[in-house]
Amino acid sequence: MKMILKRLLLALPNLIGVIIVTFVLTRALPGDPAAYFAGAAATPEAVEQVRVKLGLDRPLPEQFLHYVVDLAHGDWGSSLATGQKVTTEIAARLPASLELTLCGLLLAVSIALPLGVLAATRPNSWADHGVRVLTTMGVSLPTFFTGLLLVYIFYYKLGWAASPNGRLDAFVTSPPTVTGFYLIDSLLIGDLAVFWATLKQLILPTVTMALFVLAPLARMTRASMLGVLSSDFVRTARASGLTPGTVLYTYALRNALLPVLTTMGMVFSFLLGSNVLVEKVFAWPGIGSFAIESLVASDYAPVQGFVLSMALLYVVLNLLIDLAYTWLDPRVSLDG
């Protein structure tokens, strides 16, 4: 627990830097929120009244101090577009983004790990070259293009997939909110119809995200496995008469997972922060699409809230990765 608190304290300077940089950059963006929300027909006097009401007429240092004080009291501001608290909007939309991101990461890992192990155990074979080609194809295509292509083929042409209109079909009622994850919440109430409806909506966006991150995961698994398989302790395990499966999965794969775990953390952070394109293609009501809409409207508070929430999630993710290190290899210390 002491080491966990130490890691959290070490993350404070990063969070402070994120708050400062985000505040400055949002104010440097082109556009005037007061003019946007006053309307195109508003007079200069009306625009100035809106600016005063929003506090945008104050000097930047005073605005920043007011923002920091509000943060210290748990107030992330309000969205000018919706009129709701930013924390309320993020709490409502973040589970949708997390559910999509986690499903994409789980699918990518379930495919990348076996492919990486296969390529490492058969270096320079047709299987190895095939894995390289497959993963390179996935990372070469932009996510929005992959999503549109999957929608065109599997929804428009073949009719196999669900319509890309959000987390649920318009004729299905969302489950009562417990975790915010529709897959889990539908199972908690035993509603398999909602579960399957949610799963069908998740298939295409999940595949879209998984294809894009297959390459780094599979390549890191291959490279790490090649290094471990040539190590002395693996040779000793083989010489001791252990079965190939025991040597491969109990000894080699577990030791090779440390760099793969680091890559998974970076991939997850990337997916969570950049899945806005996938959310737009599939009309997914996540935090990324909300941030883009706020950015277009020069709505400062939601954009700042989005960046801050991503920074907090990144801190938590790094802490979980550190804990996973100690589980995979007890020789790894959180003090390091």
Protein backbone atom coordinates (compact mmCIF):
# COMPACT_ATOMS: atom_id res chain seq x y z
CA MET A 1 0.00 0.00 0.00
CA LYS A 2 2.89 2.35 0.78
CA MET A 3 4.36 1.83 -2.68
CA ILE A 4 0.96 2.44 -4.30
CA LEU A 5 0.62 5.75 -2.50
CA LYS A 6 4.18 6.62 -3.54
CA ARG A 7 3.35 5.97 -7.21
CA LEU A 8 0.22 8.08 -6.95
CA LEU A 9 2.19 10.96 -5.42
CA LEU A 10 4.77 10.71 -8.19
CA ALA A 11 1.93 11.08 -10.72
CA LEU A 12 0.77 14.39 -9.23
CA PRO A 13 3.29 16.57 -11.15
CA ASN A 14 2.11 14.96 -14.40
CA LEU A 15 -1.53 15.68 -13.57
CA ILE A 16 -0.69 19.30 -12.69
CA GLY A 17 1.11 19.66 -16.01
CA VAL A 18 -1.89 18.20 -17.84
CA ILE A 19 -4.22 20.68 -16.14
CA ILE A 20 -2.03 23.67 -17.04
CA VAL A 21 -1.36 22.64 -20.64
CA THR A 22 -5.00 21.75 -21.30
CA PHE A 23 -6.24 25.06 -19.90
CA VAL A 24 -3.79 27.08 -21.99
CA LEU A 25 -4.40 25.13 -25.21
CA THR A 26 -8.18 25.33 -25.01
CA ARG A 27 -7.95 29.11 -24.64
CA ALA A 28 -5.57 29.27 -27.60
CA LEU A 29 -7.99 27.49 -29.93
CA PRO A 30 -9.69 29.58 -32.63
CA GLY A 31 -13.29 30.48 -32.07
CA ASP A 32 -15.25 32.41 -29.49
CA PRO A 33 -17.56 30.37 -27.24
CA ALA A 34 -19.55 33.47 -26.38
CA ALA A 35 -20.23 34.23 -30.05
CA TYR A 36 -21.06 30.58 -30.75
CA PHE A 37 -23.64 30.26 -27.99
CA ALA A 38 -25.05 33.75 -28.44
CA GLY A 39 -26.02 32.83 -31.98
CA ALA A 40 -25.23 34.15 -35.44
CA ALA A 41 -27.81 36.94 -35.16
CA ALA A 42 -26.60 38.21 -31.80
CA THR A 43 -25.45 41.80 -31.45
CA PRO A 44 -21.97 42.63 -30.10
CA GLU A 45 -23.60 43.72 -26.85
CA ALA A 46 -25.35 40.36 -26.50
CA VAL A 47 -22.11 38.51 -27.21
CA GLU A 48 -20.34 40.57 -24.57
CA GLN A 49 -23.06 39.77 -22.05
CA VAL A 50 -22.62 36.06 -22.71
CA ARG A 51 -18.85 36.46 -22.36
CA VAL A 52 -19.26 38.15 -18.99
CA LYS A 53 -21.72 35.49 -17.86
CA LEU A 54 -19.22 32.74 -18.78
CA GLY A 55 -16.38 34.53 -17.05
CA LEU A 56 -14.38 34.84 -20.27
CA ASP A 57 -13.87 38.56 -19.78
CA ARG A 58 -11.54 37.93 -16.85
CA PRO A 59 -7.73 37.73 -17.21
CA LEU A 60 -6.38 34.23 -17.94
CA PRO A 61 -4.61 33.89 -14.56
CA GLU A 62 -7.87 34.66 -12.79
CA GLN A 63 -9.77 32.17 -14.98
CA PHE A 64 -7.14 29.51 -14.26
CA LEU A 65 -7.25 30.13 -10.50
CA HIS A 66 -11.03 29.86 -10.55
CA TYR A 67 -10.75 26.60 -12.55
CA VAL A 68 -8.23 25.09 -10.11
CA VAL A 69 -10.35 26.02 -7.10
CA ASP A 70 -13.37 24.38 -8.71
CA LEU A 71 -11.31 21.24 -9.44
CA ALA A 72 -10.22 21.10 -5.81
CA HIS A 73 -13.90 21.03 -4.84
CA GLY A 74 -14.68 18.30 -7.39
CA ASP A 75 -16.34 20.68 -9.85
CA TRP A 76 -15.11 20.11 -13.42
CA GLY A 77 -17.42 22.77 -14.80
CA SER A 78 -20.54 22.52 -16.93
CA SER A 79 -21.08 21.89 -20.61
CA LEU A 80 -22.45 24.94 -22.37
CA ALA A 81 -24.03 22.76 -25.05
CA THR A 82 -25.97 20.40 -22.76
CA GLY A 83 -26.17 22.44 -19.58
CA GLN A 84 -25.07 19.38 -17.58
CA LYS A 85 -22.11 19.02 -15.25
CA VAL A 86 -19.02 17.71 -17.03
CA THR A 87 -18.64 14.98 -14.41
CA THR A 88 -22.21 13.86 -15.09
CA GLU A 89 -21.61 13.76 -18.85
CA ILE A 90 -18.32 11.87 -18.47
CA ALA A 91 -19.82 9.40 -15.99
CA ALA A 92 -22.64 8.69 -18.44
CA ARG A 93 -20.41 8.32 -21.52
CA LEU A 94 -17.17 6.86 -20.19
CA PRO A 95 -18.58 3.32 -19.65
CA ALA A 96 -19.52 3.18 -23.35
CA SER A 97 -15.96 4.04 -24.38
CA LEU A 98 -14.43 1.70 -21.81
CA GLU A 99 -16.66 -1.20 -22.86
CA LEU A 100 -15.76 -0.75 -26.52
CA THR A 101 -12.04 -0.29 -25.77
CA LEU A 102 -11.81 -3.28 -23.44
CA CYS A 103 -13.64 -5.53 -25.91
CA GLY A 104 -11.30 -4.40 -28.70
CA LEU A 105 -8.22 -4.99 -26.53
CA LEU A 106 -9.41 -8.42 -25.35
CA LEU A 107 -10.10 -9.51 -28.92
CA ALA A 108 -6.71 -8.20 -30.07
CA VAL A 109 -4.87 -9.96 -27.22
CA SER A 110 -6.72 -13.25 -27.77
CA ILE A 111 -5.56 -13.21 -31.40
CA ALA A 112 -2.14 -11.55 -31.08
CA LEU A 113 -0.73 -13.80 -28.34
CA PRO A 114 -1.30 -17.09 -30.20
CA LEU A 115 -0.06 -15.53 -33.45
CA GLY A 116 3.05 -14.18 -31.73
CA VAL A 117 3.80 -17.54 -30.10
CA LEU A 118 3.22 -19.34 -33.41
CA ALA A 119 5.59 -16.98 -35.24
CA ALA A 120 8.25 -17.28 -32.51
CA THR A 121 8.20 -21.10 -32.45
CA ARG A 122 8.50 -21.23 -36.25
CA PRO A 123 10.81 -18.34 -37.17
CA ASN A 124 11.17 -17.52 -40.87
CA SER A 125 8.54 -20.12 -41.81
CA TRP A 126 5.43 -19.53 -43.86
CA ALA A 127 3.49 -19.12 -40.59
CA ASP A 128 5.90 -16.42 -39.41
CA HIS A 129 5.66 -14.52 -42.69
CA GLY A 130 1.89 -14.92 -42.74
CA VAL A 131 1.58 -13.42 -39.26
CA ARG A 132 3.70 -10.44 -40.32
CA VAL A 133 1.58 -9.83 -43.41
CA LEU A 134 -1.69 -10.15 -41.49
CA THR A 135 -0.69 -7.76 -38.72
CA THR A 136 0.81 -5.25 -41.15
CA MET A 137 -2.45 -5.15 -43.12
CA GLY A 138 -4.38 -4.36 -39.95
CA VAL A 139 -2.17 -1.47 -38.88
CA SER A 140 -1.84 -0.02 -42.39
CA LEU A 141 -5.50 0.95 -42.69
CA PRO A 142 -6.91 3.92 -40.73
CA THR A 143 -9.53 2.91 -38.19
CA PHE A 144 -12.28 4.98 -39.78
CA PHE A 145 -11.63 3.36 -43.18
CA THR A 146 -11.62 -0.13 -41.66
CA GLY A 147 -14.87 0.64 -39.86
CA LEU A 148 -16.57 2.00 -42.97
CA LEU A 149 -15.34 -0.99 -44.99
CA LEU A 150 -16.70 -3.47 -42.44
CA VAL A 151 -20.03 -1.65 -42.33
CA TYR A 152 -20.26 -1.66 -46.14
CA ILE A 153 -19.46 -5.37 -46.46
CA PHE A 154 -21.13 -6.97 -43.44
CA TYR A 155 -24.10 -4.62 -42.92
CA TYR A 156 -24.91 -3.05 -46.28
CA LYS A 157 -23.93 -5.82 -48.71
CA LEU A 158 -24.33 -9.05 -46.71
CA GLY A 159 -26.78 -7.96 -44.02
CA TRP A 160 -25.02 -10.04 -41.36
CA ALA A 161 -24.15 -7.29 -38.89
CA ALA A 162 -26.31 -4.98 -36.82
CA SER A 163 -26.89 -1.43 -37.98
CA PRO A 164 -24.16 1.01 -36.87
CA ASN A 165 -26.43 3.17 -34.74
CA GLY A 166 -24.95 3.07 -31.25
CA ARG A 167 -24.83 0.69 -28.31
CA LEU A 168 -28.32 -0.74 -28.81
CA ASP A 169 -30.94 -1.00 -31.51
CA ALA A 170 -33.71 1.57 -31.28
CA PHE A 171 -36.24 -1.15 -30.39
CA VAL A 172 -34.23 -2.50 -27.43
CA THR A 173 -34.34 -0.93 -23.98
CA SER A 174 -31.04 -0.43 -22.21
CA PRO A 175 -30.55 -2.41 -18.99
CA PRO A 176 -30.66 -0.73 -15.56
CA THR A 177 -27.32 0.94 -14.88
CA VAL A 178 -25.13 -0.93 -12.42
CA THR A 179 -21.66 -0.86 -13.96
CA GLY A 180 -22.52 1.11 -17.10
CA PHE A 181 -21.30 -1.81 -19.22
CA TYR A 182 -24.34 -3.11 -21.08
CA LEU A 183 -22.88 -6.62 -21.45
CA ILE A 184 -22.38 -6.96 -17.71
CA ASP A 185 -25.56 -5.14 -16.65
CA SER A 186 -27.73 -7.29 -18.93
CA LEU A 187 -26.22 -10.46 -17.44
CA LEU A 188 -26.73 -9.17 -13.90
CA ILE A 189 -30.48 -8.93 -14.51
CA GLY A 190 -30.52 -12.14 -16.56
CA ASP A 191 -31.76 -10.48 -19.74
CA LEU A 192 -30.08 -12.49 -22.51
CA ALA A 193 -32.01 -10.65 -25.23
CA VAL A 194 -30.35 -7.35 -24.29
CA PHE A 195 -27.00 -9.13 -23.91
CA TRP A 196 -27.12 -10.52 -27.46
CA ALA A 197 -28.40 -7.21 -28.82
CA THR A 198 -25.48 -5.42 -27.16
CA LEU A 199 -23.01 -8.03 -28.38
CA LYS A 200 -24.22 -7.69 -31.96
CA GLN A 201 -23.76 -3.93 -31.83
CA LEU A 202 -20.24 -4.40 -30.43
CA ILE A 203 -18.95 -6.82 -33.06
CA LEU A 204 -18.01 -4.45 -35.90
CA PRO A 205 -16.51 -1.61 -33.79
CA THR A 206 -14.64 -4.16 -31.66
CA VAL A 207 -13.14 -5.83 -34.73
CA THR A 208 -12.24 -2.42 -36.14
CA MET A 209 -10.26 -1.48 -33.04
CA ALA A 210 -8.70 -4.92 -32.61
CA LEU A 211 -7.35 -5.02 -36.16
CA PHE A 212 -5.50 -1.76 -35.63
CA VAL A 213 -3.59 -2.93 -32.53
CA LEU A 214 -2.88 -6.52 -33.56
CA ALA A 215 0.48 -5.59 -35.06
CA PRO A 216 2.27 -4.15 -32.01
CA LEU A 217 0.95 -6.88 -29.72
CA ALA A 218 1.81 -9.76 -32.06
CA ARG A 219 5.23 -8.34 -32.92
CA MET A 220 6.14 -7.75 -29.28
CA THR A 221 4.97 -11.26 -28.36
CA ARG A 222 7.09 -12.74 -31.14
CA ALA A 223 10.19 -10.73 -30.25
CA SER A 224 9.88 -11.41 -26.53
CA MET A 225 9.26 -15.13 -27.05
CA LEU A 226 12.28 -15.44 -29.34
CA GLY A 227 14.48 -13.92 -26.65
CA VAL A 228 13.10 -16.13 -23.89
CA LEU A 229 13.21 -19.36 -25.95
CA SER A 230 16.95 -18.87 -26.50
CA SER A 231 17.67 -18.26 -22.80
CA ASP A 232 19.56 -20.64 -20.51
CA PHE A 233 16.68 -21.45 -18.17
CA VAL A 234 14.53 -22.65 -21.10
CA ARG A 235 17.37 -24.90 -22.29
CA THR A 236 17.66 -26.24 -18.74
CA ALA A 237 13.91 -26.89 -18.57
CA ARG A 238 14.06 -28.81 -21.84
CA ALA A 239 17.11 -30.78 -20.70
CA SER A 240 15.24 -31.71 -17.51
CA GLY A 241 12.74 -33.65 -19.60
CA LEU A 242 9.75 -31.32 -19.26
CA THR A 243 7.11 -31.53 -21.96
CA PRO A 244 7.27 -28.98 -24.79
CA GLY A 245 3.92 -27.53 -23.70
CA THR A 246 5.13 -27.02 -20.12
CA VAL A 247 8.33 -25.38 -21.31
CA LEU A 248 6.50 -23.15 -23.78
CA TYR A 249 3.60 -21.94 -21.67
CA THR A 250 4.71 -22.32 -18.05
CA TYR A 251 8.28 -21.08 -18.43
CA ALA A 252 8.70 -19.21 -21.71
CA LEU A 253 5.36 -17.43 -22.17
CA ARG A 254 5.06 -16.23 -18.59
CA ASN A 255 8.50 -14.63 -18.71
CA ALA A 256 7.83 -13.20 -22.16
CA LEU A 257 4.65 -11.47 -21.00
CA LEU A 258 6.37 -8.60 -19.18
CA PRO A 259 7.21 -6.51 -22.29
CA VAL A 260 3.91 -7.61 -23.83
CA LEU A 261 2.11 -6.26 -20.77
CA THR A 262 3.84 -2.89 -21.22
CA THR A 263 2.73 -2.83 -24.85
CA MET A 264 -0.82 -3.68 -23.80
CA GLY A 265 -0.84 -0.69 -21.47
CA MET A 266 0.32 1.67 -24.21
CA VAL A 267 -2.15 0.16 -26.67
CA PHE A 268 -5.05 0.50 -24.23
CA SER A 269 -4.19 4.16 -23.56
CA PHE A 270 -4.00 4.78 -27.30
CA LEU A 271 -7.31 3.07 -27.98
CA LEU A 272 -9.14 4.92 -25.24
CA GLY A 273 -7.86 8.29 -26.37
CA SER A 274 -8.21 7.82 -30.11
CA ASN A 275 -11.35 5.74 -30.52
CA VAL A 276 -13.27 8.90 -31.42
CA LEU A 277 -13.13 7.97 -35.12
CA VAL A 278 -14.64 4.56 -34.41
CA GLU A 279 -17.28 6.18 -32.22
CA LYS A 280 -18.20 8.56 -35.03
CA VAL A 281 -18.44 5.79 -37.65
CA PHE A 282 -20.69 3.63 -35.46
CA ALA A 283 -22.58 6.49 -33.73
CA TRP A 284 -21.18 5.27 -30.43
CA PRO A 285 -22.18 7.60 -27.53
CA GLY A 286 -18.74 7.61 -25.92
CA ILE A 287 -16.52 10.18 -24.32
CA GLY A 288 -14.41 10.68 -27.46
CA SER A 289 -17.27 11.81 -29.67
CA PHE A 290 -18.51 14.06 -26.86
CA ALA A 291 -15.07 15.71 -26.65
CA ILE A 292 -14.94 16.33 -30.40
CA GLU A 293 -18.41 17.86 -30.42
CA SER A 294 -17.39 20.12 -27.54
CA LEU A 295 -14.16 21.05 -29.27
CA VAL A 296 -16.03 22.13 -32.41
CA ALA A 297 -18.34 24.27 -30.27
CA SER A 298 -15.38 25.80 -28.34
CA ASP A 299 -16.94 24.35 -25.18
CA TYR A 300 -13.90 24.44 -22.90
CA ALA A 301 -15.06 22.52 -19.83
CA PRO A 302 -15.89 19.17 -21.51
CA VAL A 303 -12.60 19.21 -23.46
CA GLN A 304 -10.64 19.87 -20.26
CA GLY A 305 -12.64 17.17 -18.50
CA PHE A 306 -11.93 14.69 -21.27
CA VAL A 307 -8.17 15.27 -21.12
CA LEU A 308 -8.12 15.16 -17.32
CA SER A 309 -10.11 11.93 -17.20
CA MET A 310 -7.75 10.36 -19.75
CA ALA A 311 -4.78 11.41 -17.61
CA LEU A 312 -6.34 9.89 -14.48
CA LEU A 313 -7.11 6.66 -16.31
CA TYR A 314 -3.53 6.55 -17.57
CA VAL A 315 -2.22 6.85 -13.99
CA VAL A 316 -4.50 4.06 -12.80
CA LEU A 317 -3.53 1.91 -15.77
CA ASN A 318 0.18 2.31 -15.08
CA LEU A 319 -0.40 1.34 -11.46
CA LEU A 320 -2.31 -1.79 -12.49
CA ILE A 321 0.50 -2.71 -14.89
CA ASP A 322 3.05 -2.35 -12.09
CA LEU A 323 0.96 -4.64 -9.89
CA ALA A 324 0.65 -7.14 -12.73
CA TYR A 325 4.44 -7.11 -13.08
CA THR A 326 4.85 -8.24 -9.49
CA TRP A 327 2.30 -11.02 -10.04
CA LEU A 328 3.98 -12.32 -13.20
CA ASP A 329 7.50 -12.03 -11.80
CA PRO A 330 7.92 -11.66 -8.00
CA ARG A 331 11.48 -10.45 -8.61
CA VAL A 332 10.04 -7.22 -9.99
CA SER A 333 9.59 -4.67 -7.22
CA LEU A 334 7.35 -1.63 -7.15
CA ASP A 335 10.33 0.26 -5.78
CA GLY A 336 12.08 -0.02 -9.14
